[in-house]
C-alpha atoms as a PDB file:
ATOM      1  CA  UNK A   1      42.200  18.621  24.544  1.00  0.00           C
ATOM      2  CA  UNK A   2      41.684  21.409  22.322  1.00  0.00           C
ATOM      3  CA  UNK A   3      41.612  20.968  18.455  1.00  0.00           C
ATOM      4  CA  UNK A   4      43.586  23.505  16.576  1.00  0.00           C
ATOM      5  CA  UNK A   5      45.120  23.753  13.040  1.00  0.00           C
ATOM      6  CA  UNK A   6      48.847  23.642  12.575  1.00  0.00           C
ATOM      7  CA  UNK A   7      51.310  23.239   9.884  1.00  0.00           C
ATOM      8  CA  UNK A   8      52.812  19.656  10.310  1.00  0.00           C
ATOM      9  CA  UNK A   9      56.143  18.386   8.972  1.00  0.00           C
ATOM     10  CA  UNK A  10      55.561  14.717   7.964  1.00  0.00           C
ATOM     11  CA  UNK A  11      58.817  14.262   6.047  1.00  0.00           C
ATOM     12  CA  UNK A  12      61.994  16.389   5.375  1.00  0.00           C
ATOM     13  CA  UNK A  13      62.189  18.455   2.312  1.00  0.00           C
ATOM     14  CA  UNK A  14      58.495  18.180   1.718  1.00  0.00           C
ATOM     15  CA  UNK A  15      55.594  20.960   1.903  1.00  0.00           C
ATOM     16  CA  UNK A  16      54.190  21.334   5.406  1.00  0.00           C
ATOM     17  CA  UNK A  17      50.536  20.083   5.760  1.00  0.00           C
ATOM     18  CA  UNK A  18      47.799  22.198   7.363  1.00  0.00           C
ATOM     19  CA  UNK A  19      45.982  19.746   9.671  1.00  0.00           C
ATOM     20  CA  UNK A  20      43.826  19.737  12.701  1.00  0.00           C
ATOM     21  CA  UNK A  21      45.701  18.469  15.812  1.00  0.00           C
ATOM     22  CA  UNK A  22      45.104  18.307  19.536  1.00  0.00           C
ATOM     23  CA  UNK A  23      46.720  20.541  22.048  1.00  0.00           C
ATOM     24  CA  UNK A  24      46.300  19.552  25.770  1.00  0.00           C
ATOM     25  CA  UNK A  25      45.505  22.060  28.481  1.00  0.00           C
ATOM     26  CA  UNK A  26      48.338  23.660  30.372  1.00  0.00           C
ATOM     27  CA  UNK A  27      49.815  21.727  33.320  1.00  0.00           C
ATOM     28  CA  UNK A  28      51.769  22.990  36.224  1.00  0.00           C
ATOM     29  CA  UNK A  29      53.953  26.097  35.339  1.00  0.00           C
ATOM     30  CA  UNK A  30      52.673  26.073  31.756  1.00  0.00           C
ATOM     31  CA  UNK A  31      50.700  28.661  29.759  1.00  0.00           C
ATOM     32  CA  UNK A  32      48.498  28.600  26.782  1.00  0.00           C
ATOM     33  CA  UNK A  33      48.875  31.387  24.337  1.00  0.00           C
ATOM     34  CA  UNK A  34      46.665  32.066  21.300  1.00  0.00           C
ATOM     35  CA  UNK A  35      49.045  33.216  18.709  1.00  0.00           C
ATOM     36  CA  UNK A  36      48.421  36.426  16.557  1.00  0.00           C
ATOM     37  CA  UNK A  37      51.804  36.243  14.665  1.00  0.00           C
ATOM     38  CA  UNK A  38      54.661  33.888  14.192  1.00  0.00           C
ATOM     39  CA  UNK A  39      57.783  34.756  12.072  1.00  0.00           C
ATOM     40  CA  UNK A  40      59.592  32.338   9.869  1.00  0.00           C
ATOM     41  CA  UNK A  41      63.350  31.762  10.896  1.00  0.00           C
ATOM     42  CA  UNK A  42      65.898  30.041   8.868  1.00  0.00           C
ATOM     43  CA  UNK A  43      66.343  27.616  11.713  1.00  0.00           C
ATOM     44  CA  UNK A  44      62.718  26.461  11.108  1.00  0.00           C
ATOM     45  CA  UNK A  45      63.358  26.003   7.473  1.00  0.00           C
ATOM     46  CA  UNK A  46      66.665  24.107   8.070  1.00  0.00           C
ATOM     47  CA  UNK A  47      64.622  21.686  10.381  1.00  0.00           C
ATOM     48  CA  UNK A  48      62.050  21.050   7.787  1.00  0.00           C
ATOM     49  CA  UNK A  49      64.958  20.319   5.554  1.00  0.00           C
ATOM     50  CA  UNK A  50      66.428  17.668   7.938  1.00  0.00           C
ATOM     51  CA  UNK A  51      69.629  19.864   8.488  1.00  0.00           C
ATOM     52  CA  UNK A  52      69.809  18.687  12.228  1.00  0.00           C
ATOM     53  CA  UNK A  53      67.555  15.678  12.228  1.00  0.00           C
ATOM     54  CA  UNK A  54      64.949  15.271  14.888  1.00  0.00           C
ATOM     55  CA  UNK A  55      61.740  13.275  15.405  1.00  0.00           C
ATOM     56  CA  UNK A  56      58.754  13.454  12.983  1.00  0.00           C
ATOM     57  CA  UNK A  57      56.016  14.314  12.663  1.00  0.00           C
ATOM     58  CA  UNK A  58      56.594  17.644  14.115  1.00  0.00           C
ATOM     59  CA  UNK A  59      55.240  21.305  14.349  1.00  0.00           C
ATOM     60  CA  UNK A  60      57.999  23.872  14.023  1.00  0.00           C
ATOM     61  CA  UNK A  61      58.048  27.637  14.510  1.00  0.00           C
ATOM     62  CA  UNK A  62      59.527  29.480  17.503  1.00  0.00           C
ATOM     63  CA  UNK A  63      59.257  33.159  16.890  1.00  0.00           C
ATOM     64  CA  UNK A  64      55.626  34.076  18.194  1.00  0.00           C
ATOM     65  CA  UNK A  65      53.587  36.578  20.050  1.00  0.00           C
ATOM     66  CA  UNK A  66      50.032  36.403  21.211  1.00  0.00           C
ATOM     67  CA  UNK A  67      47.496  36.553  24.103  1.00  0.00           C
ATOM     68  CA  UNK A  68      47.474  34.314  27.272  1.00  0.00           C
ATOM     69  CA  UNK A  69      44.165  32.131  26.951  1.00  0.00           C
ATOM     70  CA  UNK A  70      44.699  29.852  29.833  1.00  0.00           C
ATOM     71  CA  UNK A  71      47.237  29.255  32.752  1.00  0.00           C
ATOM     72  CA  UNK A  72      48.148  26.173  34.557  1.00  0.00           C
ATOM     73  CA  UNK A  73      48.649  25.637  38.257  1.00  0.00           C
ATOM     74  CA  UNK A  74      51.484  27.542  39.777  1.00  0.00           C
ATOM     75  CA  UNK A  75      51.494  30.446  37.272  1.00  0.00           C
ATOM     76  CA  UNK A  76      51.323  33.740  39.015  1.00  0.00           C
ATOM     77  CA  UNK A  77      53.108  35.972  36.736  1.00  0.00           C
ATOM     78  CA  UNK A  78      50.793  35.785  33.776  1.00  0.00           C
ATOM     79  CA  UNK A  79      46.863  36.052  33.438  1.00  0.00           C
ATOM     80  CA  UNK A  80      44.363  35.441  30.828  1.00  0.00           C
ATOM     81  CA  UNK A  81      44.362  38.381  28.491  1.00  0.00           C
ATOM     82  CA  UNK A  82      48.045  39.377  28.852  1.00  0.00           C
ATOM     83  CA  UNK A  83      50.075  40.040  25.568  1.00  0.00           C
ATOM     84  CA  UNK A  84      53.164  37.969  25.672  1.00  0.00           C
ATOM     85  CA  UNK A  85      56.248  36.996  23.542  1.00  0.00           C
ATOM     86  CA  UNK A  86      56.795  33.304  23.099  1.00  0.00           C
ATOM     87  CA  UNK A  87      60.273  32.004  22.579  1.00  0.00           C
ATOM     88  CA  UNK A  88      62.187  28.669  22.508  1.00  0.00           C
ATOM     89  CA  UNK A  89      64.188  29.733  25.491  1.00  0.00           C
ATOM     90  CA  UNK A  90      62.997  27.062  28.149  1.00  0.00           C
ATOM     91  CA  UNK A  91      65.060  27.305  31.406  1.00  0.00           C
ATOM     92  CA  UNK A  92      64.884  25.752  34.954  1.00  0.00           C
ATOM     93  CA  UNK A  93      66.204  28.822  36.808  1.00  0.00           C
ATOM     94  CA  UNK A  94      67.997  26.676  39.161  1.00  0.00           C
ATOM     95  CA  UNK A  95      71.150  25.069  37.487  1.00  0.00           C
ATOM     96  CA  UNK A  96      74.591  26.693  37.525  1.00  0.00           C
ATOM     97  CA  UNK A  97      74.107  28.168  34.014  1.00  0.00           C
ATOM     98  CA  UNK A  98      70.833  29.886  34.874  1.00  0.00           C
ATOM     99  CA  UNK A  99      72.134  31.022  38.191  1.00  0.00           C
ATOM    100  CA  UNK A 100      75.075  32.677  36.743  1.00  0.00           C
ATOM    101  CA  UNK A 101      72.867  34.571  34.244  1.00  0.00           C
ATOM    102  CA  UNK A 102      72.946  32.522  31.173  1.00  0.00           C
ATOM    103  CA  UNK A 103      69.455  30.826  30.958  1.00  0.00           C
ATOM    104  CA  UNK A 104      69.672  30.475  27.254  1.00  0.00           C
ATOM    105  CA  UNK A 105      72.187  27.800  27.795  1.00  0.00           C
ATOM    106  CA  UNK A 106      70.143  26.068  30.613  1.00  0.00           C
ATOM    107  CA  UNK A 107      71.618  22.583  31.227  1.00  0.00           C
ATOM    108  CA  UNK A 108      68.600  21.082  32.617  1.00  0.00           C
ATOM    109  CA  UNK A 109      65.576  22.498  30.958  1.00  0.00           C
ATOM    110  CA  UNK A 110      62.091  21.593  32.121  1.00  0.00           C
ATOM    111  CA  UNK A 111      60.888  18.964  29.647  1.00  0.00           C
ATOM    112  CA  UNK A 112      57.121  18.305  30.292  1.00  0.00           C
ATOM    113  CA  UNK A 113      54.861  15.786  28.685  1.00  0.00           C
ATOM    114  CA  UNK A 114      54.639  16.960  25.213  1.00  0.00           C
ATOM    115  CA  UNK A 115      51.485  19.065  24.489  1.00  0.00           C
ATOM    116  CA  UNK A 116      50.763  18.064  20.983  1.00  0.00           C
ATOM    117  CA  UNK A 117      49.215  15.012  19.420  1.00  0.00           C
ATOM    118  CA  UNK A 118      47.850  14.023  16.044  1.00  0.00           C
ATOM    119  CA  UNK A 119      44.081  14.129  15.753  1.00  0.00           C
ATOM    120  CA  UNK A 120      44.229  10.161  15.816  1.00  0.00           C
ATOM    121  CA  UNK A 121      46.095  10.253  19.020  1.00  0.00           C
ATOM    122  CA  UNK A 122      49.526   9.537  17.442  1.00  0.00           C
ATOM    123  CA  UNK A 123      52.653  11.166  18.628  1.00  0.00           C
ATOM    124  CA  UNK A 124      53.583  14.733  17.392  1.00  0.00           C
ATOM    125  CA  UNK A 125      56.781  16.565  18.287  1.00  0.00           C
ATOM    126  CA  UNK A 126      56.702  20.131  19.644  1.00  0.00           C
ATOM    127  CA  UNK A 127      59.460  21.444  17.412  1.00  0.00           C
ATOM    128  CA  UNK A 128      61.928  23.715  19.069  1.00  0.00           C
ATOM    129  CA  UNK A 129      59.950  23.146  22.304  1.00  0.00           C
ATOM    130  CA  UNK A 130      57.564  25.598  20.882  1.00  0.00           C
ATOM    131  CA  UNK A 131      55.460  24.336  17.966  1.00  0.00           C
ATOM    132  CA  UNK A 132      54.324  27.770  16.913  1.00  0.00           C
ATOM    133  CA  UNK A 133      53.331  27.188  13.241  1.00  0.00           C
ATOM    134  CA  UNK A 134      49.840  26.718  14.832  1.00  0.00           C
ATOM    135  CA  UNK A 135      46.862  28.549  16.197  1.00  0.00           C
ATOM    136  CA  UNK A 136      47.872  28.117  19.800  1.00  0.00           C
ATOM    137  CA  UNK A 137      50.773  26.862  22.001  1.00  0.00           C
ATOM    138  CA  UNK A 138      51.217  25.359  25.325  1.00  0.00           C
ATOM    139  CA  UNK A 139      54.768  26.243  26.668  1.00  0.00           C
ATOM    140  CA  UNK A 140      56.669  26.519  30.019  1.00  0.00           C
ATOM    141  CA  UNK A 141      56.284  29.909  31.627  1.00  0.00           C
ATOM    142  CA  UNK A 142      59.989  30.521  31.192  1.00  0.00           C
ATOM    143  CA  UNK A 143      59.557  30.754  27.600  1.00  0.00           C
ATOM    144  CA  UNK A 144      57.262  33.959  27.812  1.00  0.00           C
ATOM    145  CA  UNK A 145      58.063  37.635  28.200  1.00  0.00           C
ATOM    146  CA  UNK A 146      55.442  40.328  28.917  1.00  0.00           C
ATOM    147  CA  UNK A 147      54.686  42.807  26.040  1.00  0.00           C
ATOM    148  CA  UNK A 148      53.244  46.354  26.401  1.00  0.00           C
ATOM    149  CA  UNK A 149      49.456  46.312  25.695  1.00  0.00           C
ATOM    150  CA  UNK A 150      49.956  48.625  22.678  1.00  0.00           C
ATOM    151  CA  UNK A 151      52.782  46.654  21.137  1.00  0.00           C
ATOM    152  CA  UNK A 152      51.898  45.384  17.624  1.00  0.00           C
ATOM    153  CA  UNK A 153      52.131  41.675  17.852  1.00  0.00           C
ATOM    154  CA  UNK A 154      53.412  41.216  14.284  1.00  0.00           C
ATOM    155  CA  UNK A 155      56.378  43.398  15.132  1.00  0.00           C
ATOM    156  CA  UNK A 156      56.729  41.805  18.585  1.00  0.00           C
ATOM    157  CA  UNK A 157      57.054  38.287  17.524  1.00  0.00           C
ATOM    158  CA  UNK A 158      60.441  39.096  15.649  1.00  0.00           C
ATOM    159  CA  UNK A 159      61.990  39.776  19.224  1.00  0.00           C
ATOM    160  CA  UNK A 160      61.599  36.040  19.989  1.00  0.00           C
ATOM    161  CA  UNK A 161      64.603  35.006  17.906  1.00  0.00           C
ATOM    162  CA  UNK A 162      66.044  36.915  15.181  1.00  0.00           C
ATOM    163  CA  UNK A 163      66.238  40.333  16.974  1.00  0.00           C
ATOM    164  CA  UNK A 164      67.424  38.950  20.383  1.00  0.00           C
ATOM    165  CA  UNK A 165      70.010  36.639  18.594  1.00  0.00           C
ATOM    166  CA  UNK A 166      71.540  39.592  16.587  1.00  0.00           C
ATOM    167  CA  UNK A 167      71.427  42.198  19.151  1.00  0.00           C
ATOM    168  CA  UNK A 168      72.542  39.866  21.848  1.00  0.00           C
ATOM    169  CA  UNK A 169      75.463  38.788  19.808  1.00  0.00           C
ATOM    170  CA  UNK A 170      76.555  42.388  19.729  1.00  0.00           C
ATOM    171  CA  UNK A 171      75.620  43.456  23.251  1.00  0.00           C
ATOM    172  CA  UNK A 172      75.950  40.515  25.332  1.00  0.00           C
ATOM    173  CA  UNK A 173      78.401  38.038  23.582  1.00  0.00           C
ATOM    174  CA  UNK A 174      80.691  40.537  21.806  1.00  0.00           C
ATOM    175  CA  UNK A 175      80.250  43.306  24.597  1.00  0.00           C
ATOM    176  CA  UNK A 176      80.915  45.850  21.807  1.00  0.00           C
ATOM    177  CA  UNK A 177      81.996  49.260  23.312  1.00  0.00           C
ATOM    178  CA  UNK A 178      81.652  52.735  22.113  1.00  0.00           C
ATOM    179  CA  UNK A 179      84.320  53.354  19.364  1.00  0.00           C
ATOM    180  CA  UNK A 180      84.778  49.804  18.293  1.00  0.00           C
ATOM    181  CA  UNK A 181      85.054  48.756  14.808  1.00  0.00           C
ATOM    182  CA  UNK A 182      82.626  45.703  14.029  1.00  0.00           C
ATOM    183  CA  UNK A 183      82.230  43.501  11.008  1.00  0.00           C
ATOM    184  CA  UNK A 184      78.925  41.851  10.516  1.00  0.00           C
ATOM    185  CA  UNK A 185      79.028  39.020   7.825  1.00  0.00           C
ATOM    186  CA  UNK A 186      75.589  38.492   6.483  1.00  0.00           C
ATOM    187  CA  UNK A 187      72.944  41.117   6.084  1.00  0.00           C
ATOM    188  CA  UNK A 188      69.875  38.944   6.535  1.00  0.00           C
ATOM    189  CA  UNK A 189      67.414  39.148   9.355  1.00  0.00           C
ATOM    190  CA  UNK A 190      69.872  38.244  12.166  1.00  0.00           C
ATOM    191  CA  UNK A 191      72.570  40.242  10.588  1.00  0.00           C
ATOM    192  CA  UNK A 192      70.379  43.450  10.354  1.00  0.00           C
ATOM    193  CA  UNK A 193      69.714  43.031  14.070  1.00  0.00           C
ATOM    194  CA  UNK A 194      73.494  42.619  14.773  1.00  0.00           C
ATOM    195  CA  UNK A 195      74.094  45.879  12.965  1.00  0.00           C
ATOM    196  CA  UNK A 196      71.329  47.366  15.095  1.00  0.00           C
ATOM    197  CA  UNK A 197      72.996  45.978  18.176  1.00  0.00           C
ATOM    198  CA  UNK A 198      76.340  47.437  17.224  1.00  0.00           C
ATOM    199  CA  UNK A 199      74.820  50.765  16.524  1.00  0.00           C
ATOM    200  CA  UNK A 200      73.045  50.848  19.991  1.00  0.00           C
ATOM    201  CA  UNK A 201      76.390  49.965  21.608  1.00  0.00           C
ATOM    202  CA  UNK A 202      78.189  52.683  20.068  1.00  0.00           C
ATOM    203  CA  UNK A 203      80.382  51.173  17.521  1.00  0.00           C
ATOM    204  CA  UNK A 204      82.296  53.717  15.436  1.00  0.00           C
ATOM    205  CA  UNK A 205      82.482  51.621  12.307  1.00  0.00           C
ATOM    206  CA  UNK A 206      79.936  48.985  11.393  1.00  0.00           C
ATOM    207  CA  UNK A 207      80.953  47.058   8.331  1.00  0.00           C
ATOM    208  CA  UNK A 208      78.471  44.849   6.537  1.00  0.00           C
ATOM    209  CA  UNK A 209      79.556  41.937   4.266  1.00  0.00           C
ATOM    210  CA  UNK A 210      77.232  40.181   2.039  1.00  0.00           C
ATOM    211  CA  UNK A 211      77.089  38.554  -1.356  1.00  0.00           C
ATOM    212  CA  UNK A 212      73.806  40.460  -2.353  1.00  0.00           C
ATOM    213  CA  UNK A 213      73.918  44.155  -3.083  1.00  0.00           C
ATOM    214  CA  UNK A 214      70.238  44.791  -2.125  1.00  0.00           C
ATOM    215  CA  UNK A 215      71.073  43.276   1.348  1.00  0.00           C
ATOM    216  CA  UNK A 216      73.926  45.765   1.745  1.00  0.00           C
ATOM    217  CA  UNK A 217      71.488  48.628   0.972  1.00  0.00           C
ATOM    218  CA  UNK A 218      69.209  47.488   3.778  1.00  0.00           C
ATOM    219  CA  UNK A 219      72.373  47.193   6.083  1.00  0.00           C
ATOM    220  CA  UNK A 220      72.917  50.773   5.772  1.00  0.00           C
ATOM    221  CA  UNK A 221      69.318  51.625   6.585  1.00  0.00           C
ATOM    222  CA  UNK A 222      69.910  49.647   9.898  1.00  0.00           C
ATOM    223  CA  UNK A 223      73.004  51.327  10.846  1.00  0.00           C
ATOM    224  CA  UNK A 224      75.924  50.039   8.749  1.00  0.00           C
ATOM    225  CA  UNK A 225      78.561  52.915   8.053  1.00  0.00           C
ATOM    226  CA  UNK A 226      80.201  50.708   5.378  1.00  0.00           C
ATOM    227  CA  UNK A 227      79.370  47.915   3.039  1.00  0.00           C
ATOM    228  CA  UNK A 228      81.505  45.316   1.147  1.00  0.00           C
ATOM    229  CA  UNK A 229      80.532  42.779  -1.284  1.00  0.00           C
ATOM    230  CA  UNK A 230      81.778  39.428  -0.076  1.00  0.00           C
ATOM    231  CA  UNK A 231      82.533  38.434  -3.779  1.00  0.00           C
ATOM    232  CA  UNK A 232      85.164  41.076  -4.072  1.00  0.00           C
ATOM    233  CA  UNK A 233      88.809  39.899  -3.827  1.00  0.00           C
ATOM    234  CA  UNK A 234      90.066  39.966  -0.252  1.00  0.00           C
ATOM    235  CA  UNK A 235      87.234  41.920   1.321  1.00  0.00           C
ATOM    236  CA  UNK A 236      89.107  41.740   4.682  1.00  0.00           C
ATOM    237  CA  UNK A 237      91.762  44.146   3.053  1.00  0.00           C
ATOM    238  CA  UNK A 238      88.932  46.568   2.568  1.00  0.00           C
ATOM    239  CA  UNK A 239      88.134  46.331   6.240  1.00  0.00           C
ATOM    240  CA  UNK A 240      91.760  47.097   7.084  1.00  0.00           C
ATOM    241  CA  UNK A 241      91.681  50.207   4.890  1.00  0.00           C
ATOM    242  CA  UNK A 242      88.450  51.307   6.442  1.00  0.00           C
ATOM    243  CA  UNK A 243      89.828  50.946   9.909  1.00  0.00           C
ATOM    244  CA  UNK A 244      93.232  52.468   9.265  1.00  0.00           C
ATOM    245  CA  UNK A 245      95.073  49.230   8.950  1.00  0.00           C
ATOM    246  CA  UNK A 246      93.872  47.735  12.350  1.00  0.00           C
ATOM    247  CA  UNK A 247      91.015  45.453  11.473  1.00  0.00           C
ATOM    248  CA  UNK A 248      87.916  44.688  13.403  1.00  0.00           C
ATOM    249  CA  UNK A 249      87.502  44.428  17.128  1.00  0.00           C
ATOM    250  CA  UNK A 250      84.620  42.013  16.597  1.00  0.00           C
ATOM    251  CA  UNK A 251      83.421  39.946  13.600  1.00  0.00           C
ATOM    252  CA  UNK A 252      79.907  38.598  13.848  1.00  0.00           C
ATOM    253  CA  UNK A 253      79.117  35.694  11.544  1.00  0.00           C
ATOM    254  CA  UNK A 254      75.288  35.810  11.289  1.00  0.00           C
ATOM    255  CA  UNK A 255      75.030  33.078   8.409  1.00  0.00           C
ATOM    256  CA  UNK A 256      75.702  29.488   8.613  1.00  0.00           C
ATOM    257  CA  UNK A 257      77.837  29.378   5.381  1.00  0.00           C
ATOM    258  CA  UNK A 258      81.193  27.647   5.884  1.00  0.00           C
ATOM    259  CA  UNK A 259      83.072  30.149   3.575  1.00  0.00           C
ATOM    260  CA  UNK A 260      82.022  32.980   5.855  1.00  0.00           C
ATOM    261  CA  UNK A 261      83.465  31.090   8.864  1.00  0.00           C
ATOM    262  CA  UNK A 262      86.631  30.198   6.966  1.00  0.00           C
ATOM    263  CA  UNK A 263      87.394  33.839   6.273  1.00  0.00           C
ATOM    264  CA  UNK A 264      86.016  35.485   9.476  1.00  0.00           C
ATOM    265  CA  UNK A 265      89.346  35.591  11.433  1.00  0.00           C
ATOM    266  CA  UNK A 266      91.004  37.364   8.532  1.00  0.00           C
ATOM    267  CA  UNK A 267      88.985  40.593   9.325  1.00  0.00           C
ATOM    268  CA  UNK A 268      90.065  40.723  13.017  1.00  0.00           C
ATOM    269  CA  UNK A 269      92.454  43.100  14.702  1.00  0.00           C
ATOM    270  CA  UNK A 270      94.873  41.804  17.431  1.00  0.00           C
ATOM    271  CA  UNK A 271      92.822  40.784  20.382  1.00  0.00           C
ATOM    272  CA  UNK A 272      89.696  40.768  18.348  1.00  0.00           C
ATOM    273  CA  UNK A 273      86.853  38.142  18.677  1.00  0.00           C
ATOM    274  CA  UNK A 274      84.959  36.180  16.056  1.00  0.00           C
ATOM    275  CA  UNK A 275      81.276  35.749  17.458  1.00  0.00           C
ATOM    276  CA  UNK A 276      79.815  32.653  15.986  1.00  0.00           C
ATOM    277  CA  UNK A 277      76.069  33.117  15.411  1.00  0.00           C
ATOM    278  CA  UNK A 278      75.099  31.375  12.120  1.00  0.00           C
ATOM    279  CA  UNK A 279      74.313  27.733  12.409  1.00  0.00           C
ATOM    280  CA  UNK A 280      75.850  25.553   9.716  1.00  0.00           C
ATOM    281  CA  UNK A 281      74.422  22.068   9.067  1.00  0.00           C
ATOM    282  CA  UNK A 282      75.513  19.214  11.332  1.00  0.00           C
ATOM    283  CA  UNK A 283      78.812  17.821   9.911  1.00  0.00           C
ATOM    284  CA  UNK A 284      79.990  20.935   8.252  1.00  0.00           C
ATOM    285  CA  UNK A 285      83.521  21.926   9.105  1.00  0.00           C
ATOM    286  CA  UNK A 286      85.568  25.195   9.118  1.00  0.00           C
ATOM    287  CA  UNK A 287      89.360  25.418   9.399  1.00  0.00           C
ATOM    288  CA  UNK A 288      91.853  27.990  10.962  1.00  0.00           C
ATOM    289  CA  UNK A 289      95.410  28.344  11.962  1.00  0.00           C
ATOM    290  CA  UNK A 290      95.499  28.320  15.851  1.00  0.00           C
ATOM    291  CA  UNK A 291      98.959  29.725  15.879  1.00  0.00           C
ATOM    292  CA  UNK A 292      97.530  32.909  14.322  1.00  0.00           C
ATOM    293  CA  UNK A 293      95.009  33.211  16.987  1.00  0.00           C
ATOM    294  CA  UNK A 294      97.329  32.349  19.783  1.00  0.00           C
ATOM    295  CA  UNK A 295      99.982  34.933  18.561  1.00  0.00           C
ATOM    296  CA  UNK A 296      97.481  37.816  18.201  1.00  0.00           C
ATOM    297  CA  UNK A 297      95.336  37.050  21.147  1.00  0.00           C
ATOM    298  CA  UNK A 298      92.280  36.514  19.034  1.00  0.00           C
ATOM    299  CA  UNK A 299      89.454  34.332  19.976  1.00  0.00           C
ATOM    300  CA  UNK A 300      86.257  32.776  18.958  1.00  0.00           C
ATOM    301  CA  UNK A 301      82.986  32.769  20.921  1.00  0.00           C
ATOM    302  CA  UNK A 302      79.628  30.979  20.348  1.00  0.00           C
ATOM    303  CA  UNK A 303      76.663  32.923  20.728  1.00  0.00           C
ATOM    304  CA  UNK A 304      73.316  31.082  21.168  1.00  0.00           C
ATOM    305  CA  UNK A 305      70.132  33.252  20.888  1.00  0.00           C
ATOM    306  CA  UNK A 306      72.110  36.062  21.895  1.00  0.00           C
ATOM    307  CA  UNK A 307      72.871  34.896  25.378  1.00  0.00           C
ATOM    308  CA  UNK A 308      69.543  36.537  26.226  1.00  0.00           C
ATOM    309  CA  UNK A 309      67.930  36.951  29.625  1.00  0.00           C
ATOM    310  CA  UNK A 310      64.392  37.544  28.673  1.00  0.00           C
ATOM    311  CA  UNK A 311      63.355  39.460  31.819  1.00  0.00           C
ATOM    312  CA  UNK A 312      66.456  41.719  31.357  1.00  0.00           C
ATOM    313  CA  UNK A 313      66.569  42.190  27.713  1.00  0.00           C
ATOM    314  CA  UNK A 314      63.035  42.052  26.233  1.00  0.00           C
ATOM    315  CA  UNK A 315      61.755  45.275  28.332  1.00  0.00           C
ATOM    316  CA  UNK A 316      64.595  47.456  27.210  1.00  0.00           C
ATOM    317  CA  UNK A 317      64.185  46.356  23.594  1.00  0.00           C
ATOM    318  CA  UNK A 318      60.535  46.994  23.713  1.00  0.00           C
ATOM    319  CA  UNK A 319      61.244  50.376  25.122  1.00  0.00           C
ATOM    320  CA  UNK A 320      63.878  51.198  22.458  1.00  0.00           C
ATOM    321  CA  UNK A 321      61.186  50.319  19.805  1.00  0.00           C
ATOM    322  CA  UNK A 322      58.681  52.519  21.417  1.00  0.00           C
ATOM    323  CA  UNK A 323      61.181  55.277  21.277  1.00  0.00           C
ATOM    324  CA  UNK A 324      61.818  54.784  17.703  1.00  0.00           C
ATOM    325  CA  UNK A 325      65.453  53.716  18.243  1.00  0.00           C
ATOM    326  CA  UNK A 326      65.003  49.993  17.249  1.00  0.00           C
ATOM    327  CA  UNK A 327      63.700  48.959  13.999  1.00  0.00           C
ATOM    328  CA  UNK A 328      61.148  46.084  13.991  1.00  0.00           C
ATOM    329  CA  UNK A 329      58.422  47.094  11.641  1.00  0.00           C
ATOM    330  CA  UNK A 330      61.014  47.443   8.942  1.00  0.00           C
ATOM    331  CA  UNK A 331      62.033  43.809   9.258  1.00  0.00           C
ATOM    332  CA  UNK A 332      58.589  42.458   8.029  1.00  0.00           C
ATOM    333  CA  UNK A 333      58.855  41.599   4.439  1.00  0.00           C
ATOM    334  CA  UNK A 334      55.348  40.155   4.101  1.00  0.00           C
ATOM    335  CA  UNK A 335      52.243  38.710   5.806  1.00  0.00           C
ATOM    336  CA  UNK A 336      50.644  35.376   4.974  1.00  0.00           C
ATOM    337  CA  UNK A 337      47.887  33.361   6.581  1.00  0.00           C
ATOM    338  CA  UNK A 338      48.742  29.980   8.063  1.00  0.00           C
ATOM    339  CA  UNK A 339      47.408  27.949   5.171  1.00  0.00           C
ATOM    340  CA  UNK A 340      49.997  29.936   3.038  1.00  0.00           C
ATOM    341  CA  UNK A 341      52.980  28.811   5.004  1.00  0.00           C
ATOM    342  CA  UNK A 342      54.663  26.968   2.212  1.00  0.00           C
ATOM    343  CA  UNK A 343      54.435  30.056   0.048  1.00  0.00           C
ATOM    344  CA  UNK A 344      55.761  32.234   2.829  1.00  0.00           C
ATOM    345  CA  UNK A 345      58.841  29.731   3.269  1.00  0.00           C
END
């Protein structure tokens, strides 16, 4: 066992506690990573608030990057000293879902003996199968992706969730084509990356919708061609005006707000698709008129973690960043030490 510091959640809706905990050595097909940076995702915050339940105490955090510090038996693709991305995408590689190119939705993920324990030996949950609000993690090798040696790790860690979720929703789930019209509801971290994804895919119109004017300013910096305040009357009518009366080929809902989901189909063109990215709290409900979707050939598709394939998607995103065509540094709004995590949240 290695003694490390971590931010532990003992009760929902209470501050995280910085404590010393025990981390076991990596077992078969596992890797220990000493973390350099971890981003704070809205999902982490939702878990600390109890939005989706789960066992406590727990260590959350799942957007991380660092350096391999130990490898377990059977690991041949990583070595001590390698820079890596650490994600929550744990996959078996053998189930039908993995074999058909969708490891983000693996139906039989590898679930080894939990690597974390309280200092007194008590149980401690590895939140989001990562537990990255800590100095080190031990994760399955499938949760890693290699990084270039000169890649800044504070920017790189954003690729682990927010970036791949947004870009993947646009490129993988929506399959946006050049010339398409796209609406992105929500211009937060995931939304800005959905906008980047739509820009990379060649969308002709990228229309950002948000309640906050400052976020719409940021949306333009990341590639939005048009912006609309969600508080204006019938913002979908503005989208139709911008698109020559047709509506959007794809609407990406990147926030977990039910009003956003309730209005999403109103922005669609005939044959368009709503891509459901934002995660409402358990029990929340949205409503639609199925007859409208049926008559117009519209549809709704869930997108979890951008349907990302790490070995396929991370290398080209890193390459795009190095070319200056993918914004990562600009997504960082502040930097804090581990013991400042409650302030950061």
